[in-house]
Each structure stands twice: as C-alpha cells, then as structure tokens.
Amino acid sequence: VLRAQLDQPLHNFTLCLRSYSHLSRP
C-alpha cells in the first residue's frame, strides 16, 4: 500500500517505475 498526500484531483500526471519479472501471464 502506498500513501500519497493528494489534495486535489489530477488533470495531469506522470507515473514511472522499474520492474523485473519472469512472468508471461497478465
């Protein structure tokens, strides 16, 4: 669970992450 201080709705956003997985399923 990630907790963010969101004061107002988002009209724009950017999401970034780095992942490493062997999964072939969804």
PDB file of all heavy atoms in Angstrom:
ATOM      1  N   VAL A   1       0.863  -1.188   0.000  1.00  0.00           N
ATOM      2  CA  VAL A   1       0.000   0.000   0.000  1.00  0.00           C
ATOM      3  C   VAL A   1       0.896   1.235   0.000  1.00  0.00           C
ATOM      4  O   VAL A   1       1.810   1.336   0.825  1.00  0.00           O
ATOM      5  CB  VAL A   1      -0.906   0.024   1.253  1.00  0.00           C
ATOM      6  CG1 VAL A   1      -1.839   1.232   1.213  1.00  0.00           C
ATOM      7  CG2 VAL A   1      -1.698  -1.276   1.373  1.00  0.00           C
ATOM      8  N   LEU A   2       0.630   2.169  -0.919  1.00  0.00           N
ATOM      9  CA  LEU A   2       1.379   3.424  -0.986  1.00  0.00           C
ATOM     10  C   LEU A   2       0.472   4.567  -0.541  1.00  0.00           C
ATOM     11  O   LEU A   2      -0.675   4.651  -0.973  1.00  0.00           O
ATOM     12  CB  LEU A   2       1.864   3.699  -2.413  1.00  0.00           C
ATOM     13  CG  LEU A   2       2.656   2.581  -3.092  1.00  0.00           C
ATOM     14  CD1 LEU A   2       3.119   3.046  -4.465  1.00  0.00           C
ATOM     15  CD2 LEU A   2       3.845   2.156  -2.250  1.00  0.00           C
ATOM     16  N   ARG A   3       1.005   5.432   0.324  1.00  0.00           N
ATOM     17  CA  ARG A   3       0.207   6.560   0.797  1.00  0.00           C
ATOM     18  C   ARG A   3       0.762   7.856   0.219  1.00  0.00           C
ATOM     19  O   ARG A   3       1.944   8.157   0.367  1.00  0.00           O
ATOM     20  CB  ARG A   3       0.227   6.605   2.320  1.00  0.00           C
ATOM     21  CG  ARG A   3      -0.274   5.294   2.928  1.00  0.00           C
ATOM     22  CD  ARG A   3      -0.746   5.444   4.365  1.00  0.00           C
ATOM     23  NE  ARG A   3      -0.861   4.179   5.086  1.00  0.00           N
ATOM     24  CZ  ARG A   3      -1.542   3.122   4.689  1.00  0.00           C
ATOM     25  NH1 ARG A   3      -2.165   3.143   3.555  1.00  0.00           N
ATOM     26  NH2 ARG A   3      -1.605   2.022   5.412  1.00  0.00           N
ATOM     27  N   ALA A   4      -0.112   8.595  -0.458  1.00  0.00           N
ATOM     28  CA  ALA A   4       0.271   9.876  -1.064  1.00  0.00           C
ATOM     29  C   ALA A   4      -0.629  10.968  -0.517  1.00  0.00           C
ATOM     30  O   ALA A   4      -1.793  10.720  -0.207  1.00  0.00           O
ATOM     31  CB  ALA A   4       0.140   9.805  -2.580  1.00  0.00           C
ATOM     32  N   GLN A   5      -0.086  12.169  -0.392  1.00  0.00           N
ATOM     33  CA  GLN A   5      -0.889  13.319   0.015  1.00  0.00           C
ATOM     34  C   GLN A   5      -1.487  13.966  -1.238  1.00  0.00           C
ATOM     35  O   GLN A   5      -0.850  14.784  -1.888  1.00  0.00           O
ATOM     36  CB  GLN A   5      -0.010  14.340   0.768  1.00  0.00           C
ATOM     37  CG  GLN A   5       0.465  13.834   2.113  1.00  0.00           C
ATOM     38  CD  GLN A   5      -0.677  13.379   3.023  1.00  0.00           C
ATOM     39  OE1 GLN A   5      -1.648  14.100   3.197  1.00  0.00           O
ATOM     40  NE2 GLN A   5      -0.570  12.195   3.587  1.00  0.00           N
ATOM     41  N   LEU A   6      -2.694  13.519  -1.597  1.00  0.00           N
ATOM     42  CA  LEU A   6      -3.380  14.081  -2.763  1.00  0.00           C
ATOM     43  C   LEU A   6      -4.410  15.076  -2.272  1.00  0.00           C
ATOM     44  O   LEU A   6      -5.417  14.689  -1.680  1.00  0.00           O
ATOM     45  CB  LEU A   6      -4.046  12.953  -3.565  1.00  0.00           C
ATOM     46  CG  LEU A   6      -3.098  12.149  -4.441  1.00  0.00           C
ATOM     47  CD1 LEU A   6      -3.567  10.720  -4.574  1.00  0.00           C
ATOM     48  CD2 LEU A   6      -2.994  12.789  -5.802  1.00  0.00           C
ATOM     49  N   ASP A   7      -4.145  16.357  -2.508  1.00  0.00           N
ATOM     50  CA  ASP A   7      -5.051  17.402  -2.018  1.00  0.00           C
ATOM     51  C   ASP A   7      -6.192  17.663  -2.990  1.00  0.00           C
ATOM     52  O   ASP A   7      -7.263  18.088  -2.594  1.00  0.00           O
ATOM     53  CB  ASP A   7      -4.274  18.712  -1.788  1.00  0.00           C
ATOM     54  CG  ASP A   7      -3.071  18.470  -0.887  1.00  0.00           C
ATOM     55  OD1 ASP A   7      -3.203  17.671   0.051  1.00  0.00           O
ATOM     56  OD2 ASP A   7      -2.011  19.064  -1.153  1.00  0.00           O
ATOM     57  N   GLN A   8      -5.940  17.437  -4.280  1.00  0.00           N
ATOM     58  CA  GLN A   8      -6.979  17.723  -5.273  1.00  0.00           C
ATOM     59  C   GLN A   8      -6.892  16.728  -6.417  1.00  0.00           C
ATOM     60  O   GLN A   8      -5.881  16.059  -6.582  1.00  0.00           O
ATOM     61  CB  GLN A   8      -6.825  19.148  -5.787  1.00  0.00           C
ATOM     62  CG  GLN A   8      -5.455  19.435  -6.347  1.00  0.00           C
ATOM     63  CD  GLN A   8      -5.067  20.889  -6.115  1.00  0.00           C
ATOM     64  OE1 GLN A   8      -5.554  21.543  -5.197  1.00  0.00           O
ATOM     65  NE2 GLN A   8      -4.189  21.400  -6.944  1.00  0.00           N
ATOM     66  N   PRO A   9      -7.973  16.633  -7.206  1.00  0.00           N
ATOM     67  CA  PRO A   9      -7.981  15.711  -8.348  1.00  0.00           C
ATOM     68  C   PRO A   9      -6.858  16.041  -9.344  1.00  0.00           C
ATOM     69  O   PRO A   9      -6.342  17.156  -9.364  1.00  0.00           O
ATOM     70  CB  PRO A   9      -9.354  15.943  -8.987  1.00  0.00           C
ATOM     71  CG  PRO A   9     -10.193  16.526  -7.900  1.00  0.00           C
ATOM     72  CD  PRO A   9      -9.269  17.321  -7.042  1.00  0.00           C
ATOM     73  N   LEU A  10      -6.500  15.049 -10.151  1.00  0.00           N
ATOM     74  CA  LEU A  10      -5.393  15.191 -11.091  1.00  0.00           C
ATOM     75  C   LEU A  10      -5.899  15.465 -12.505  1.00  0.00           C
ATOM     76  O   LEU A  10      -6.674  14.681 -13.050  1.00  0.00           O
ATOM     77  CB  LEU A  10      -4.549  13.908 -11.104  1.00  0.00           C
ATOM     78  CG  LEU A  10      -3.882  13.490  -9.793  1.00  0.00           C
ATOM     79  CD1 LEU A  10      -3.225  12.121  -9.944  1.00  0.00           C
ATOM     80  CD2 LEU A  10      -2.864  14.522  -9.364  1.00  0.00           C
ATOM     81  N   HIS A  11      -5.425  16.564 -13.092  1.00  0.00           N
ATOM     82  CA  HIS A  11      -5.704  16.859 -14.506  1.00  0.00           C
ATOM     83  C   HIS A  11      -4.539  16.413 -15.381  1.00  0.00           C
ATOM     84  O   HIS A  11      -4.672  16.328 -16.600  1.00  0.00           O
ATOM     85  CB  HIS A  11      -5.963  18.358 -14.694  1.00  0.00           C
ATOM     86  CG  HIS A  11      -7.201  18.828 -13.997  1.00  0.00           C
ATOM     87  ND1 HIS A  11      -8.420  18.942 -14.625  1.00  0.00           N
ATOM     88  CD2 HIS A  11      -7.411  19.185 -12.704  1.00  0.00           C
ATOM     89  CE1 HIS A  11      -9.332  19.361 -13.754  1.00  0.00           C
ATOM     90  NE2 HIS A  11      -8.739  19.513 -12.580  1.00  0.00           N
ATOM     91  N   ASN A  12      -3.402  16.191 -14.752  1.00  0.00           N
ATOM     92  CA  ASN A  12      -2.200  15.681 -15.423  1.00  0.00           C
ATOM     93  C   ASN A  12      -1.466  14.806 -14.426  1.00  0.00           C
ATOM     94  O   ASN A  12      -1.548  15.048 -13.228  1.00  0.00           O
ATOM     95  CB  ASN A  12      -1.236  16.813 -15.808  1.00  0.00           C
ATOM     96  CG  ASN A  12      -1.903  17.922 -16.584  1.00  0.00           C
ATOM     97  OD1 ASN A  12      -2.168  17.799 -17.760  1.00  0.00           O
ATOM     98  ND2 ASN A  12      -2.179  19.017 -15.896  1.00  0.00           N
ATOM     99  N   PHE A  13      -0.748  13.820 -14.909  1.00  0.00           N
ATOM    100  CA  PHE A  13       0.138  13.078 -14.014  1.00  0.00           C
ATOM    101  C   PHE A  13       1.190  12.343 -14.835  1.00  0.00           C
ATOM    102  O   PHE A  13       1.035  12.136 -16.042  1.00  0.00           O
ATOM    103  CB  PHE A  13      -0.642  12.090 -13.127  1.00  0.00           C
ATOM    104  CG  PHE A  13      -1.224  10.917 -13.863  1.00  0.00           C
ATOM    105  CD1 PHE A  13      -0.459   9.788 -14.149  1.00  0.00           C
ATOM    106  CD2 PHE A  13      -2.558  10.921 -14.267  1.00  0.00           C
ATOM    107  CE1 PHE A  13      -1.000   8.700 -14.829  1.00  0.00           C
ATOM    108  CE2 PHE A  13      -3.102   9.841 -14.943  1.00  0.00           C
ATOM    109  CZ  PHE A  13      -2.317   8.729 -15.224  1.00  0.00           C
ATOM    110  N   THR A  14       2.267  11.977 -14.159  1.00  0.00           N
ATOM    111  CA  THR A  14       3.280  11.079 -14.727  1.00  0.00           C
ATOM    112  C   THR A  14       3.565   9.995 -13.704  1.00  0.00           C
ATOM    113  O   THR A  14       3.772  10.285 -12.528  1.00  0.00           O
ATOM    114  CB  THR A  14       4.588  11.819 -15.052  1.00  0.00           C
ATOM    115  OG1 THR A  14       4.307  12.921 -15.912  1.00  0.00           O
ATOM    116  CG2 THR A  14       5.581  10.889 -15.745  1.00  0.00           C
ATOM    117  N   LEU A  15       3.562   8.755 -14.169  1.00  0.00           N
ATOM    118  CA  LEU A  15       3.857   7.588 -13.343  1.00  0.00           C
ATOM    119  C   LEU A  15       5.111   6.936 -13.909  1.00  0.00           C
ATOM    120  O   LEU A  15       5.189   6.700 -15.113  1.00  0.00           O
ATOM    121  CB  LEU A  15       2.674   6.621 -13.423  1.00  0.00           C
ATOM    122  CG  LEU A  15       2.898   5.165 -13.019  1.00  0.00           C
ATOM    123  CD1 LEU A  15       3.174   5.062 -11.530  1.00  0.00           C
ATOM    124  CD2 LEU A  15       1.703   4.314 -13.404  1.00  0.00           C
ATOM    125  N   CYS A  16       6.106   6.679 -13.061  1.00  0.00           N
ATOM    126  CA  CYS A  16       7.305   5.950 -13.507  1.00  0.00           C
ATOM    127  C   CYS A  16       7.606   4.810 -12.542  1.00  0.00           C
ATOM    128  O   CYS A  16       7.366   4.932 -11.343  1.00  0.00           O
ATOM    129  CB  CYS A  16       8.525   6.869 -13.572  1.00  0.00           C
ATOM    130  SG  CYS A  16       8.452   8.177 -14.811  1.00  0.00           S
ATOM    131  N   LEU A  17       8.127   3.724 -13.072  1.00  0.00           N
ATOM    132  CA  LEU A  17       8.591   2.621 -12.231  1.00  0.00           C
ATOM    133  C   LEU A  17       9.535   1.726 -13.019  1.00  0.00           C
ATOM    134  O   LEU A  17       9.570   1.760 -14.250  1.00  0.00           O
ATOM    135  CB  LEU A  17       7.418   1.815 -11.665  1.00  0.00           C
ATOM    136  CG  LEU A  17       6.401   1.192 -12.618  1.00  0.00           C
ATOM    137  CD1 LEU A  17       6.906  -0.135 -13.181  1.00  0.00           C
ATOM    138  CD2 LEU A  17       5.088   0.947 -11.887  1.00  0.00           C
ATOM    139  N   ARG A  18      10.273   0.922 -12.262  1.00  0.00           N
ATOM    140  CA  ARG A  18      11.210  -0.034 -12.845  1.00  0.00           C
ATOM    141  C   ARG A  18      10.802  -1.426 -12.366  1.00  0.00           C
ATOM    142  O   ARG A  18      10.592  -1.621 -11.166  1.00  0.00           O
ATOM    143  CB  ARG A  18      12.620   0.299 -12.332  1.00  0.00           C
ATOM    144  CG  ARG A  18      13.740   0.120 -13.312  1.00  0.00           C
ATOM    145  CD  ARG A  18      15.080   0.513 -12.702  1.00  0.00           C
ATOM    146  NE  ARG A  18      15.256   1.940 -12.508  1.00  0.00           N
ATOM    147  CZ  ARG A  18      15.716   2.768 -13.444  1.00  0.00           C
ATOM    148  NH1 ARG A  18      16.040   2.318 -14.635  1.00  0.00           N
ATOM    149  NH2 ARG A  18      15.862   4.060 -13.186  1.00  0.00           N
ATOM    150  N   SER A  19      10.691  -2.367 -13.295  1.00  0.00           N
ATOM    151  CA  SER A  19      10.253  -3.718 -12.918  1.00  0.00           C
ATOM    152  C   SER A  19      11.135  -4.774 -13.575  1.00  0.00           C
ATOM    153  O   SER A  19      11.735  -4.544 -14.632  1.00  0.00           O
ATOM    154  CB  SER A  19       8.791  -3.942 -13.324  1.00  0.00           C
ATOM    155  OG  SER A  19       8.675  -4.008 -14.735  1.00  0.00           O
ATOM    156  N   TYR A  20      11.156  -5.934 -12.921  1.00  0.00           N
ATOM    157  CA  TYR A  20      11.962  -7.058 -13.405  1.00  0.00           C
ATOM    158  C   TYR A  20      11.180  -8.319 -13.056  1.00  0.00           C
ATOM    159  O   TYR A  20      10.967  -8.606 -11.876  1.00  0.00           O
ATOM    160  CB  TYR A  20      13.310  -7.046 -12.695  1.00  0.00           C
ATOM    161  CG  TYR A  20      14.363  -7.987 -13.228  1.00  0.00           C
ATOM    162  CD1 TYR A  20      14.259  -8.581 -14.486  1.00  0.00           C
ATOM    163  CD2 TYR A  20      15.482  -8.286 -12.456  1.00  0.00           C
ATOM    164  CE1 TYR A  20      15.248  -9.421 -14.959  1.00  0.00           C
ATOM    165  CE2 TYR A  20      16.477  -9.138 -12.925  1.00  0.00           C
ATOM    166  CZ  TYR A  20      16.358  -9.697 -14.181  1.00  0.00           C
ATOM    167  OH  TYR A  20      17.337 -10.541 -14.642  1.00  0.00           O
ATOM    168  N   SER A  21      10.724  -9.042 -14.084  1.00  0.00           N
ATOM    169  CA  SER A  21       9.869 -10.193 -13.828  1.00  0.00           C
ATOM    170  C   SER A  21      10.033 -11.239 -14.920  1.00  0.00           C
ATOM    171  O   SER A  21      10.308 -10.904 -16.072  1.00  0.00           O
ATOM    172  CB  SER A  21       8.409  -9.743 -13.766  1.00  0.00           C
ATOM    173  OG  SER A  21       7.565 -10.854 -13.585  1.00  0.00           O
ATOM    174  N   HIS A  22       9.836 -12.499 -14.535  1.00  0.00           N
ATOM    175  CA  HIS A  22       9.855 -13.610 -15.498  1.00  0.00           C
ATOM    176  C   HIS A  22       8.451 -13.902 -16.028  1.00  0.00           C
ATOM    177  O   HIS A  22       8.280 -14.810 -16.823  1.00  0.00           O
ATOM    178  CB  HIS A  22      10.371 -14.870 -14.782  1.00  0.00           C
ATOM    179  CG  HIS A  22       9.452 -15.275 -13.672  1.00  0.00           C
ATOM    180  ND1 HIS A  22       9.579 -14.768 -12.388  1.00  0.00           N
ATOM    181  CD2 HIS A  22       8.356 -16.071 -13.656  1.00  0.00           C
ATOM    182  CE1 HIS A  22       8.598 -15.264 -11.632  1.00  0.00           C
ATOM    183  NE2 HIS A  22       7.844 -16.051 -12.375  1.00  0.00           N
ATOM    184  N   LEU A  23       7.446 -13.177 -15.551  1.00  0.00           N
ATOM    185  CA  LEU A  23       6.063 -13.566 -15.822  1.00  0.00           C
ATOM    186  C   LEU A  23       5.706 -13.453 -17.301  1.00  0.00           C
ATOM    187  O   LEU A  23       6.030 -12.470 -17.953  1.00  0.00           O
ATOM    188  CB  LEU A  23       5.089 -12.685 -15.030  1.00  0.00           C
ATOM    189  CG  LEU A  23       5.105 -12.832 -13.505  1.00  0.00           C
ATOM    190  CD1 LEU A  23       4.172 -11.800 -12.884  1.00  0.00           C
ATOM    191  CD2 LEU A  23       4.681 -14.240 -13.099  1.00  0.00           C
ATOM    192  N   SER A  24       4.998 -14.467 -17.815  1.00  0.00           N
ATOM    193  CA  SER A  24       4.409 -14.347 -19.151  1.00  0.00           C
ATOM    194  C   SER A  24       2.890 -14.173 -19.064  1.00  0.00           C
ATOM    195  O   SER A  24       2.257 -13.784 -20.029  1.00  0.00           O
ATOM    196  CB  SER A  24       4.760 -15.566 -20.003  1.00  0.00           C
ATOM    197  OG  SER A  24       4.407 -16.746 -19.320  1.00  0.00           O
ATOM    198  N   ARG A  25       2.316 -14.444 -17.879  1.00  0.00           N
ATOM    199  CA  ARG A  25       0.878 -14.235 -17.701  1.00  0.00           C
ATOM    200  C   ARG A  25       0.588 -12.750 -17.421  1.00  0.00           C
ATOM    201  O   ARG A  25       1.509 -11.979 -17.123  1.00  0.00           O
ATOM    202  CB  ARG A  25       0.353 -15.117 -16.561  1.00  0.00           C
ATOM    203  CG  ARG A  25       0.966 -14.810 -15.223  1.00  0.00           C
ATOM    204  CD  ARG A  25       0.212 -15.455 -14.075  1.00  0.00           C
ATOM    205  NE  ARG A  25       0.887 -15.268 -12.799  1.00  0.00           N
ATOM    206  CZ  ARG A  25       0.884 -14.143 -12.098  1.00  0.00           C
ATOM    207  NH1 ARG A  25       0.257 -13.068 -12.560  1.00  0.00           N
ATOM    208  NH2 ARG A  25       1.526 -14.065 -10.950  1.00  0.00           N
ATOM    209  N   PRO A  26      -0.701 -12.354 -17.500  1.00  0.00           N
ATOM    210  CA  PRO A  26      -1.043 -10.952 -17.209  1.00  0.00           C
ATOM    211  C   PRO A  26      -0.678 -10.571 -15.779  1.00  0.00           C
ATOM    212  O   PRO A  26      -0.804 -11.383 -14.863  1.00  0.00           O
ATOM    213  CB  PRO A  26      -2.570 -10.911 -17.387  1.00  0.00           C
ATOM    214  CG  PRO A  26      -2.899 -12.083 -18.244  1.00  0.00           C
ATOM    215  CD  PRO A  26      -1.886 -13.135 -17.923  1.00  0.00           C
TER     216      PRO A  26
END
